Amino acid sequence: MGNNIAMEQIKYAGPGGMDVTEMGTGPRVVFVHGGGVGGALAWKEQWPMAADWRLVMVSRPGYGDSPARGGEDFERDADLVAELLQPGDHVVCHSYGAAVGMLAVAQDVDKVASMTIIESGTTAIAKDDPSVTMFHFALLGLMTNPPEDDELFLRWMFRIIQPSQPLPPVLPPPLAQFARHLRHFRSPSECIVPEKILHDAAFKKLHVSGDHNPAYEGITNRLAEHLGGERLIIRGAGHMPHMTGAPFNAALDAFLRN
């Protein structure tokens, strides 16, 4: 990657009023965030890649300056992201955003040059894996009988998602905002991955996990098996391998250029 980082950010309203931030020059890489932190902030460690790529970082509805459109819903968000995509785009998506990204890309696979899927929460694709089954029902039980306190709800959820790395004692504002709308949340476990469409698509695929939770390893392995593509583990940042910065960026840059 180049040494000069283009840090100027351009913000505009995208499909459905979604807040979109762009920075850098070169081929477009569209980033779709997961739950908790949205928009450009979710991909801050990837900003150095703006020296060689045009980073397109969307805030899904209810995040950042994007207007809320009811509860969090991967199908609704997928329609908006699909509208944002342009021919030749690379798509990078994480966690809840992986469900969004896969459904969006499946609407027109000929538009996309590549897709990188990071720690998807789509448990339905690997429910026969015992670790995924345990993870699935732990989250389902919490969502069915959540505590009354929003912050406690979020902390219990993260204990399931990322047991080795608890949340900080004081929640950052984006996570506090996420905790408040967590009760209106359509679980990614309901997402049916369009396996055949994505498997048959000609674009490149990369599947990334952080080797911190057997359930995410099971989901990621199954996605790699059923969709095809490269498989990568980047340790050190739990559920957010992209937060390792340079190790993830180097791997992603090499994949995009290949």
C-alpha atoms as a PDB file:
ATOM      1  CA  MET A   1       0.000   0.000   0.000  1.00  0.00           C
ATOM      2  CA  GLY A   2       1.115   3.531  -0.654  1.00  0.00           C
ATOM      3  CA  ASN A   3       2.579   5.827   1.986  1.00  0.00           C
ATOM      4  CA  ASN A   4       0.363   8.859   1.350  1.00  0.00           C
ATOM      5  CA  ILE A   5      -2.975   8.526   3.123  1.00  0.00           C
ATOM      6  CA  ALA A   6      -5.858  10.476   1.592  1.00  0.00           C
ATOM      7  CA  MET A   7      -7.665  11.532   4.754  1.00  0.00           C
ATOM      8  CA  GLU A   8     -10.262  13.891   3.285  1.00  0.00           C
ATOM      9  CA  GLN A   9     -13.711  12.488   3.941  1.00  0.00           C
ATOM     10  CA  ILE A  10     -16.775  13.153   1.817  1.00  0.00           C
ATOM     11  CA  LYS A  11     -20.168  12.531   3.422  1.00  0.00           C
ATOM     12  CA  TYR A  12     -23.498  12.282   1.662  1.00  0.00           C
ATOM     13  CA  ALA A  13     -26.943  10.727   1.991  1.00  0.00           C
ATOM     14  CA  GLY A  14     -27.178   7.426   0.145  1.00  0.00           C
ATOM     15  CA  PRO A  15     -30.139   5.116  -0.494  1.00  0.00           C
ATOM     16  CA  GLY A  16     -32.843   5.439   2.147  1.00  0.00           C
ATOM     17  CA  GLY A  17     -31.054   8.439   3.618  1.00  0.00           C
ATOM     18  CA  MET A  18     -28.152   6.288   4.835  1.00  0.00           C
ATOM     19  CA  ASP A  19     -25.116   8.305   5.844  1.00  0.00           C
ATOM     20  CA  VAL A  20     -22.196   7.350   3.584  1.00  0.00           C
ATOM     21  CA  THR A  21     -18.577   8.411   4.078  1.00  0.00           C
ATOM     22  CA  GLU A  22     -16.029   8.101   1.273  1.00  0.00           C
ATOM     23  CA  MET A  23     -12.290   8.671   1.350  1.00  0.00           C
ATOM     24  CA  GLY A  24      -9.298   7.869  -0.822  1.00  0.00           C
ATOM     25  CA  THR A  25      -8.781   7.165  -4.509  1.00  0.00           C
ATOM     26  CA  GLY A  26      -8.790   4.021  -6.600  1.00  0.00           C
ATOM     27  CA  PRO A  27     -11.223   1.120  -6.997  1.00  0.00           C
ATOM     28  CA  ARG A  28     -14.194   1.228  -4.625  1.00  0.00           C
ATOM     29  CA  VAL A  29     -14.315  -0.939  -1.515  1.00  0.00           C
ATOM     30  CA  VAL A  30     -17.737  -0.878   0.157  1.00  0.00           C
ATOM     31  CA  PHE A  31     -17.640  -1.599   3.898  1.00  0.00           C
ATOM     32  CA  VAL A  32     -20.774  -2.881   5.682  1.00  0.00           C
ATOM     33  CA  HIS A  33     -20.477  -2.744   9.474  1.00  0.00           C
ATOM     34  CA  GLY A  34     -21.937  -5.059  12.094  1.00  0.00           C
ATOM     35  CA  GLY A  35     -23.765  -4.148  15.284  1.00  0.00           C
ATOM     36  CA  GLY A  36     -22.513  -1.717  17.887  1.00  0.00           C
ATOM     37  CA  VAL A  37     -20.436   0.814  15.981  1.00  0.00           C
ATOM     38  CA  GLY A  38     -21.357   1.987  12.488  1.00  0.00           C
ATOM     39  CA  GLY A  39     -20.087   3.953   9.525  1.00  0.00           C
ATOM     40  CA  ALA A  40     -16.507   5.118   9.094  1.00  0.00           C
ATOM     41  CA  LEU A  41     -15.790   4.719  12.813  1.00  0.00           C
ATOM     42  CA  ALA A  42     -16.345   0.957  12.550  1.00  0.00           C
ATOM     43  CA  TRP A  43     -13.553   0.794   9.958  1.00  0.00           C
ATOM     44  CA  LYS A  44     -11.132   3.334  11.409  1.00  0.00           C
ATOM     45  CA  GLU A  45      -8.235   0.858  11.282  1.00  0.00           C
ATOM     46  CA  GLN A  46      -8.810   0.545   7.521  1.00  0.00           C
ATOM     47  CA  TRP A  47      -8.457   4.278   6.809  1.00  0.00           C
ATOM     48  CA  PRO A  48      -4.781   3.881   5.784  1.00  0.00           C
ATOM     49  CA  MET A  49      -6.010   1.812   2.828  1.00  0.00           C
ATOM     50  CA  ALA A  50      -7.391   5.060   1.387  1.00  0.00           C
ATOM     51  CA  ALA A  51      -3.945   5.610  -0.122  1.00  0.00           C
ATOM     52  CA  ASP A  52      -4.768   2.974  -2.737  1.00  0.00           C
ATOM     53  CA  TRP A  53      -8.517   2.387  -2.590  1.00  0.00           C
ATOM     54  CA  ARG A  54     -11.735   4.392  -2.526  1.00  0.00           C
ATOM     55  CA  LEU A  55     -13.263   3.481   0.828  1.00  0.00           C
ATOM     56  CA  VAL A  56     -17.078   3.637   0.865  1.00  0.00           C
ATOM     57  CA  MET A  57     -18.244   3.275   4.470  1.00  0.00           C
ATOM     58  CA  VAL A  58     -21.987   3.158   5.022  1.00  0.00           C
ATOM     59  CA  SER A  59     -23.913   3.718   8.248  1.00  0.00           C
ATOM     60  CA  ARG A  60     -26.844   1.329   8.242  1.00  0.00           C
ATOM     61  CA  PRO A  61     -30.225   2.706   9.434  1.00  0.00           C
ATOM     62  CA  GLY A  62     -30.140   3.736  13.070  1.00  0.00           C
ATOM     63  CA  TYR A  63     -26.362   4.245  13.140  1.00  0.00           C
ATOM     64  CA  GLY A  64     -24.511   7.553  13.030  1.00  0.00           C
ATOM     65  CA  ASP A  65     -26.506  10.143  11.103  1.00  0.00           C
ATOM     66  CA  SER A  66     -28.601   7.554   9.261  1.00  0.00           C
ATOM     67  CA  PRO A  67     -32.294   7.778  10.170  1.00  0.00           C
ATOM     68  CA  ALA A  68     -33.736   4.818  12.019  1.00  0.00           C
ATOM     69  CA  ARG A  69     -36.251   2.838   9.979  1.00  0.00           C
ATOM     70  CA  GLY A  70     -37.772   0.745  12.735  1.00  0.00           C
ATOM     71  CA  GLY A  71     -35.793  -2.130  14.232  1.00  0.00           C
ATOM     72  CA  GLU A  72     -32.579  -3.531  12.853  1.00  0.00           C
ATOM     73  CA  ASP A  73     -33.396  -5.714   9.842  1.00  0.00           C
ATOM     74  CA  PHE A  74     -30.854  -7.397   7.562  1.00  0.00           C
ATOM     75  CA  GLU A  75     -33.255  -7.770   4.605  1.00  0.00           C
ATOM     76  CA  ARG A  76     -34.250  -4.106   4.606  1.00  0.00           C
ATOM     77  CA  ASP A  77     -30.632  -3.009   4.941  1.00  0.00           C
ATOM     78  CA  ALA A  78     -29.604  -5.386   2.140  1.00  0.00           C
ATOM     79  CA  ASP A  79     -31.962  -3.643  -0.278  1.00  0.00           C
ATOM     80  CA  LEU A  80     -30.378  -0.287   0.568  1.00  0.00           C
ATOM     81  CA  VAL A  81     -26.812  -1.568   0.244  1.00  0.00           C
ATOM     82  CA  ALA A  82     -27.666  -3.277  -3.072  1.00  0.00           C
ATOM     83  CA  GLU A  83     -28.834   0.094  -4.383  1.00  0.00           C
ATOM     84  CA  LEU A  84     -25.538   1.659  -3.319  1.00  0.00           C
ATOM     85  CA  LEU A  85     -23.347  -0.872  -5.135  1.00  0.00           C
ATOM     86  CA  GLN A  86     -21.697   0.023  -8.435  1.00  0.00           C
ATOM     87  CA  PRO A  87     -20.102  -2.236 -11.079  1.00  0.00           C
ATOM     88  CA  GLY A  88     -16.634  -3.359 -10.029  1.00  0.00           C
ATOM     89  CA  ASP A  89     -17.135  -2.810  -6.299  1.00  0.00           C
ATOM     90  CA  HIS A  90     -15.360  -4.874  -3.690  1.00  0.00           C
ATOM     91  CA  VAL A  91     -17.556  -5.603  -0.652  1.00  0.00           C
ATOM     92  CA  VAL A  92     -16.249  -6.105   2.888  1.00  0.00           C
ATOM     93  CA  CYS A  93     -18.812  -6.986   5.573  1.00  0.00           C
ATOM     94  CA  HIS A  94     -18.660  -7.899   9.251  1.00  0.00           C
ATOM     95  CA  SER A  95     -20.893  -9.772  11.707  1.00  0.00           C
ATOM     96  CA  TYR A  96     -24.529  -8.597  11.314  1.00  0.00           C
ATOM     97  CA  GLY A  97     -23.359  -6.718   8.238  1.00  0.00           C
ATOM     98  CA  ALA A  98     -22.298 -10.028   6.691  1.00  0.00           C
ATOM     99  CA  ALA A  99     -25.949 -11.084   6.472  1.00  0.00           C
ATOM    100  CA  VAL A 100     -26.715  -7.690   4.939  1.00  0.00           C
ATOM    101  CA  GLY A 101     -23.814  -7.886   2.525  1.00  0.00           C
ATOM    102  CA  MET A 102     -24.478 -11.410   1.284  1.00  0.00           C
ATOM    103  CA  LEU A 103     -28.143 -10.661   0.589  1.00  0.00           C
ATOM    104  CA  ALA A 104     -27.239  -7.370  -1.107  1.00  0.00           C
ATOM    105  CA  VAL A 105     -24.593  -8.904  -3.361  1.00  0.00           C
ATOM    106  CA  ALA A 106     -26.869 -11.813  -4.296  1.00  0.00           C
ATOM    107  CA  GLN A 107     -29.304  -9.345  -5.891  1.00  0.00           C
ATOM    108  CA  ASP A 108     -26.820  -8.684  -8.732  1.00  0.00           C
ATOM    109  CA  VAL A 109     -23.654 -10.760  -8.503  1.00  0.00           C
ATOM    110  CA  ASP A 110     -22.313  -9.387 -11.791  1.00  0.00           C
ATOM    111  CA  LYS A 111     -21.732  -6.005 -10.156  1.00  0.00           C
ATOM    112  CA  VAL A 112     -19.204  -7.256  -7.631  1.00  0.00           C
ATOM    113  CA  ALA A 113     -15.468  -7.853  -8.060  1.00  0.00           C
ATOM    114  CA  SER A 114     -14.954  -9.541  -4.688  1.00  0.00           C
ATOM    115  CA  MET A 115     -16.525 -10.152  -1.299  1.00  0.00           C
ATOM    116  CA  THR A 116     -14.867 -10.440   2.110  1.00  0.00           C
ATOM    117  CA  ILE A 117     -16.987 -11.905   4.922  1.00  0.00           C
ATOM    118  CA  ILE A 118     -15.777 -11.374   8.498  1.00  0.00           C
ATOM    119  CA  GLU A 119     -17.250 -13.423  11.385  1.00  0.00           C
ATOM    120  CA  SER A 120     -20.787 -13.710  10.059  1.00  0.00           C
ATOM    121  CA  GLY A 121     -23.600 -14.294  12.540  1.00  0.00           C
ATOM    122  CA  THR A 122     -25.633 -16.421  10.103  1.00  0.00           C
ATOM    123  CA  THR A 123     -25.898 -19.499  12.315  1.00  0.00           C
ATOM    124  CA  ALA A 124     -28.533 -21.241  10.146  1.00  0.00           C
ATOM    125  CA  ILE A 125     -25.894 -22.345   7.660  1.00  0.00           C
ATOM    126  CA  ALA A 126     -24.082 -24.443  10.298  1.00  0.00           C
ATOM    127  CA  LYS A 127     -26.704 -25.517  12.822  1.00  0.00           C
ATOM    128  CA  ASP A 128     -25.406 -29.109  12.732  1.00  0.00           C
ATOM    129  CA  ASP A 129     -22.137 -27.900  14.298  1.00  0.00           C
ATOM    130  CA  PRO A 130     -22.497 -28.359  18.100  1.00  0.00           C
ATOM    131  CA  SER A 131     -20.620 -25.155  18.914  1.00  0.00           C
ATOM    132  CA  VAL A 132     -22.833 -23.186  16.547  1.00  0.00           C
ATOM    133  CA  THR A 133     -25.973 -24.787  18.005  1.00  0.00           C
ATOM    134  CA  MET A 134     -24.958 -23.819  21.547  1.00  0.00           C
ATOM    135  CA  PHE A 135     -24.146 -20.281  20.421  1.00  0.00           C
ATOM    136  CA  HIS A 136     -27.434 -20.004  18.524  1.00  0.00           C
ATOM    137  CA  PHE A 137     -29.608 -21.059  21.448  1.00  0.00           C
ATOM    138  CA  ALA A 138     -27.652 -18.982  23.970  1.00  0.00           C
ATOM    139  CA  LEU A 139     -28.364 -15.860  21.924  1.00  0.00           C
ATOM    140  CA  LEU A 140     -31.959 -16.921  21.282  1.00  0.00           C
ATOM    141  CA  GLY A 141     -32.536 -17.410  25.000  1.00  0.00           C
ATOM    142  CA  LEU A 142     -31.133 -13.982  25.787  1.00  0.00           C
ATOM    143  CA  MET A 143     -33.182 -12.277  23.072  1.00  0.00           C
ATOM    144  CA  THR A 144     -36.334 -14.055  24.275  1.00  0.00           C
ATOM    145  CA  ASN A 145     -35.828 -13.156  27.939  1.00  0.00           C
ATOM    146  CA  PRO A 146     -33.631 -10.054  28.051  1.00  0.00           C
ATOM    147  CA  PRO A 147     -32.824  -8.162  31.258  1.00  0.00           C
ATOM    148  CA  GLU A 148     -34.688  -4.901  31.773  1.00  0.00           C
ATOM    149  CA  ASP A 149     -31.513  -2.805  31.770  1.00  0.00           C
ATOM    150  CA  ASP A 150     -30.270  -1.992  28.250  1.00  0.00           C
ATOM    151  CA  GLU A 151     -26.603  -1.896  29.167  1.00  0.00           C
ATOM    152  CA  LEU A 152     -26.798  -5.210  30.980  1.00  0.00           C
ATOM    153  CA  PHE A 153     -28.531  -6.692  27.933  1.00  0.00           C
ATOM    154  CA  LEU A 154     -25.628  -5.606  25.732  1.00  0.00           C
ATOM    155  CA  ARG A 155     -22.992  -6.865  28.153  1.00  0.00           C
ATOM    156  CA  TRP A 156     -24.631 -10.284  28.390  1.00  0.00           C
ATOM    157  CA  MET A 157     -24.827 -10.481  24.605  1.00  0.00           C
ATOM    158  CA  PHE A 158     -21.138  -9.698  24.235  1.00  0.00           C
ATOM    159  CA  ARG A 159     -20.285 -12.381  26.793  1.00  0.00           C
ATOM    160  CA  ILE A 160     -21.791 -14.863  24.340  1.00  0.00           C
ATOM    161  CA  ILE A 161     -20.304 -13.304  21.205  1.00  0.00           C
ATOM    162  CA  GLN A 162     -16.835 -12.536  22.549  1.00  0.00           C
ATOM    163  CA  PRO A 163     -16.351 -14.247  25.928  1.00  0.00           C
ATOM    164  CA  SER A 164     -12.593 -13.643  26.088  1.00  0.00           C
ATOM    165  CA  GLN A 165     -12.828  -9.846  25.704  1.00  0.00           C
ATOM    166  CA  PRO A 166     -15.482  -8.116  27.834  1.00  0.00           C
ATOM    167  CA  LEU A 167     -16.747  -4.640  27.073  1.00  0.00           C
ATOM    168  CA  PRO A 168     -15.080  -1.667  28.809  1.00  0.00           C
ATOM    169  CA  PRO A 169     -16.490  -0.546  32.197  1.00  0.00           C
ATOM    170  CA  VAL A 170     -17.891   2.624  30.601  1.00  0.00           C
ATOM    171  CA  LEU A 171     -19.592   2.071  27.248  1.00  0.00           C
ATOM    172  CA  PRO A 172     -18.474   4.358  24.394  1.00  0.00           C
ATOM    173  CA  PRO A 173     -21.387   6.468  23.056  1.00  0.00           C
ATOM    174  CA  PRO A 174     -21.934   4.312  19.905  1.00  0.00           C
ATOM    175  CA  LEU A 175     -22.279   1.165  22.018  1.00  0.00           C
ATOM    176  CA  ALA A 176     -24.592   2.916  24.461  1.00  0.00           C
ATOM    177  CA  GLN A 177     -26.760   3.952  21.499  1.00  0.00           C
ATOM    178  CA  PHE A 178     -26.719   0.383  20.185  1.00  0.00           C
ATOM    179  CA  ALA A 179     -27.784  -0.952  23.590  1.00  0.00           C
ATOM    180  CA  ARG A 180     -30.891   1.242  23.477  1.00  0.00           C
ATOM    181  CA  HIS A 181     -32.173  -0.249  20.210  1.00  0.00           C
ATOM    182  CA  LEU A 182     -31.058  -3.824  20.852  1.00  0.00           C
ATOM    183  CA  ARG A 183     -34.607  -4.907  21.736  1.00  0.00           C
ATOM    184  CA  HIS A 184     -35.717  -4.086  18.189  1.00  0.00           C
ATOM    185  CA  PHE A 185     -33.247  -6.389  16.511  1.00  0.00           C
ATOM    186  CA  ARG A 186     -33.919  -9.062  13.922  1.00  0.00           C
ATOM    187  CA  SER A 187     -31.401 -11.793  14.615  1.00  0.00           C
ATOM    188  CA  PRO A 188     -28.993 -12.753  11.805  1.00  0.00           C
ATOM    189  CA  SER A 189     -29.758 -16.365  12.758  1.00  0.00           C
ATOM    190  CA  GLU A 190     -32.946 -15.868  10.708  1.00  0.00           C
ATOM    191  CA  CYS A 191     -30.953 -15.087   7.567  1.00  0.00           C
ATOM    192  CA  ILE A 192     -30.973 -17.803   4.916  1.00  0.00           C
ATOM    193  CA  VAL A 193     -27.701 -17.405   3.042  1.00  0.00           C
ATOM    194  CA  PRO A 194     -28.253 -17.521  -0.751  1.00  0.00           C
ATOM    195  CA  GLU A 195     -25.634 -20.242  -1.029  1.00  0.00           C
ATOM    196  CA  LYS A 196     -26.092 -21.365  -4.635  1.00  0.00           C
ATOM    197  CA  ILE A 197     -26.212 -17.839  -6.027  1.00  0.00           C
ATOM    198  CA  LEU A 198     -23.043 -16.818  -4.206  1.00  0.00           C
ATOM    199  CA  HIS A 199     -21.260 -20.111  -4.887  1.00  0.00           C
ATOM    200  CA  ASP A 200     -21.955 -19.890  -8.621  1.00  0.00           C
ATOM    201  CA  ALA A 201     -20.933 -16.222  -8.835  1.00  0.00           C
ATOM    202  CA  ALA A 202     -17.612 -15.560 -10.534  1.00  0.00           C
ATOM    203  CA  PHE A 203     -16.273 -12.991  -8.064  1.00  0.00           C
ATOM    204  CA  LYS A 204     -13.592 -13.791  -5.496  1.00  0.00           C
ATOM    205  CA  LYS A 205     -14.494 -14.570  -1.878  1.00  0.00           C
ATOM    206  CA  LEU A 206     -12.487 -14.295   1.334  1.00  0.00           C
ATOM    207  CA  HIS A 207     -13.705 -15.668   4.674  1.00  0.00           C
ATOM    208  CA  VAL A 208     -12.087 -14.232   7.821  1.00  0.00           C
ATOM    209  CA  SER A 209     -12.380 -15.167  11.494  1.00  0.00           C
ATOM    210  CA  GLY A 210     -10.478 -14.356  14.675  1.00  0.00           C
ATOM    211  CA  ASP A 211     -10.117 -17.821  16.284  1.00  0.00           C
ATOM    212  CA  HIS A 212     -11.678 -16.656  19.561  1.00  0.00           C
ATOM    213  CA  ASN A 213     -15.045 -18.450  19.558  1.00  0.00           C
ATOM    214  CA  PRO A 214     -15.657 -21.961  18.154  1.00  0.00           C
ATOM    215  CA  ALA A 215     -19.088 -20.893  16.904  1.00  0.00           C
ATOM    216  CA  TYR A 216     -17.694 -18.228  14.609  1.00  0.00           C
ATOM    217  CA  GLU A 217     -15.057 -20.660  13.377  1.00  0.00           C
ATOM    218  CA  GLY A 218     -17.844 -23.126  12.570  1.00  0.00           C
ATOM    219  CA  ILE A 219     -19.925 -20.544  10.714  1.00  0.00           C
ATOM    220  CA  THR A 220     -16.930 -19.188   8.805  1.00  0.00           C
ATOM    221  CA  ASN A 221     -15.710 -22.656   7.856  1.00  0.00           C
ATOM    222  CA  ARG A 222     -19.142 -23.589   6.556  1.00  0.00           C
ATOM    223  CA  LEU A 223     -19.447 -20.397   4.513  1.00  0.00           C
ATOM    224  CA  ALA A 224     -16.048 -21.095   2.963  1.00  0.00           C
ATOM    225  CA  GLU A 225     -17.098 -24.662   2.145  1.00  0.00           C
ATOM    226  CA  HIS A 226     -20.469 -23.748   0.656  1.00  0.00           C
ATOM    227  CA  LEU A 227     -19.620 -20.473  -1.105  1.00  0.00           C
ATOM    228  CA  GLY A 228     -16.034 -21.244  -2.078  1.00  0.00           C
ATOM    229  CA  GLY A 229     -13.102 -18.885  -1.765  1.00  0.00           C
ATOM    230  CA  GLU A 230     -10.116 -18.299   0.488  1.00  0.00           C
ATOM    231  CA  ARG A 231     -10.092 -18.883   4.257  1.00  0.00           C
ATOM    232  CA  LEU A 232      -8.092 -16.728   6.675  1.00  0.00           C
ATOM    233  CA  ILE A 233      -7.663 -16.484  10.454  1.00  0.00           C
ATOM    234  CA  ILE A 234      -6.377 -13.247  11.993  1.00  0.00           C
ATOM    235  CA  ARG A 235      -5.929 -13.482  15.743  1.00  0.00           C
ATOM    236  CA  GLY A 236      -5.664 -10.728  18.317  1.00  0.00           C
ATOM    237  CA  ALA A 237      -8.904  -8.743  18.129  1.00  0.00           C
ATOM    238  CA  GLY A 238     -11.582 -11.300  18.981  1.00  0.00           C
ATOM    239  CA  HIS A 239     -14.789 -10.828  17.016  1.00  0.00           C
ATOM    240  CA  MET A 240     -13.279  -7.910  15.069  1.00  0.00           C
ATOM    241  CA  PRO A 241     -10.225  -9.169  13.146  1.00  0.00           C
ATOM    242  CA  HIS A 242     -10.202  -5.962  11.096  1.00  0.00           C
ATOM    243  CA  MET A 243      -9.367  -4.040  14.290  1.00  0.00           C
ATOM    244  CA  THR A 244      -5.868  -5.548  14.183  1.00  0.00           C
ATOM    245  CA  GLY A 245      -5.168  -2.887  11.565  1.00  0.00           C
ATOM    246  CA  ALA A 246      -2.000  -3.630   9.626  1.00  0.00           C
ATOM    247  CA  PRO A 247      -2.251  -7.478   9.636  1.00  0.00           C
ATOM    248  CA  PHE A 248      -5.818  -7.392   8.340  1.00  0.00           C
ATOM    249  CA  ASN A 249      -5.174  -4.540   5.911  1.00  0.00           C
ATOM    250  CA  ALA A 250      -2.170  -6.270   4.369  1.00  0.00           C
ATOM    251  CA  ALA A 251      -4.153  -9.478   3.871  1.00  0.00           C
ATOM    252  CA  LEU A 252      -7.164  -7.649   2.452  1.00  0.00           C
ATOM    253  CA  ASP A 253      -5.005  -5.531   0.145  1.00  0.00           C
ATOM    254  CA  ALA A 254      -3.268  -8.644  -1.221  1.00  0.00           C
ATOM    255  CA  PHE A 255      -6.622 -10.369  -1.754  1.00  0.00           C
ATOM    256  CA  LEU A 256      -8.139  -7.386  -3.560  1.00  0.00           C
ATOM    257  CA  ARG A 257      -5.125  -7.054  -5.855  1.00  0.00           C
ATOM    258  CA  ASN A 258      -4.838 -10.761  -6.688  1.00  0.00           C
END
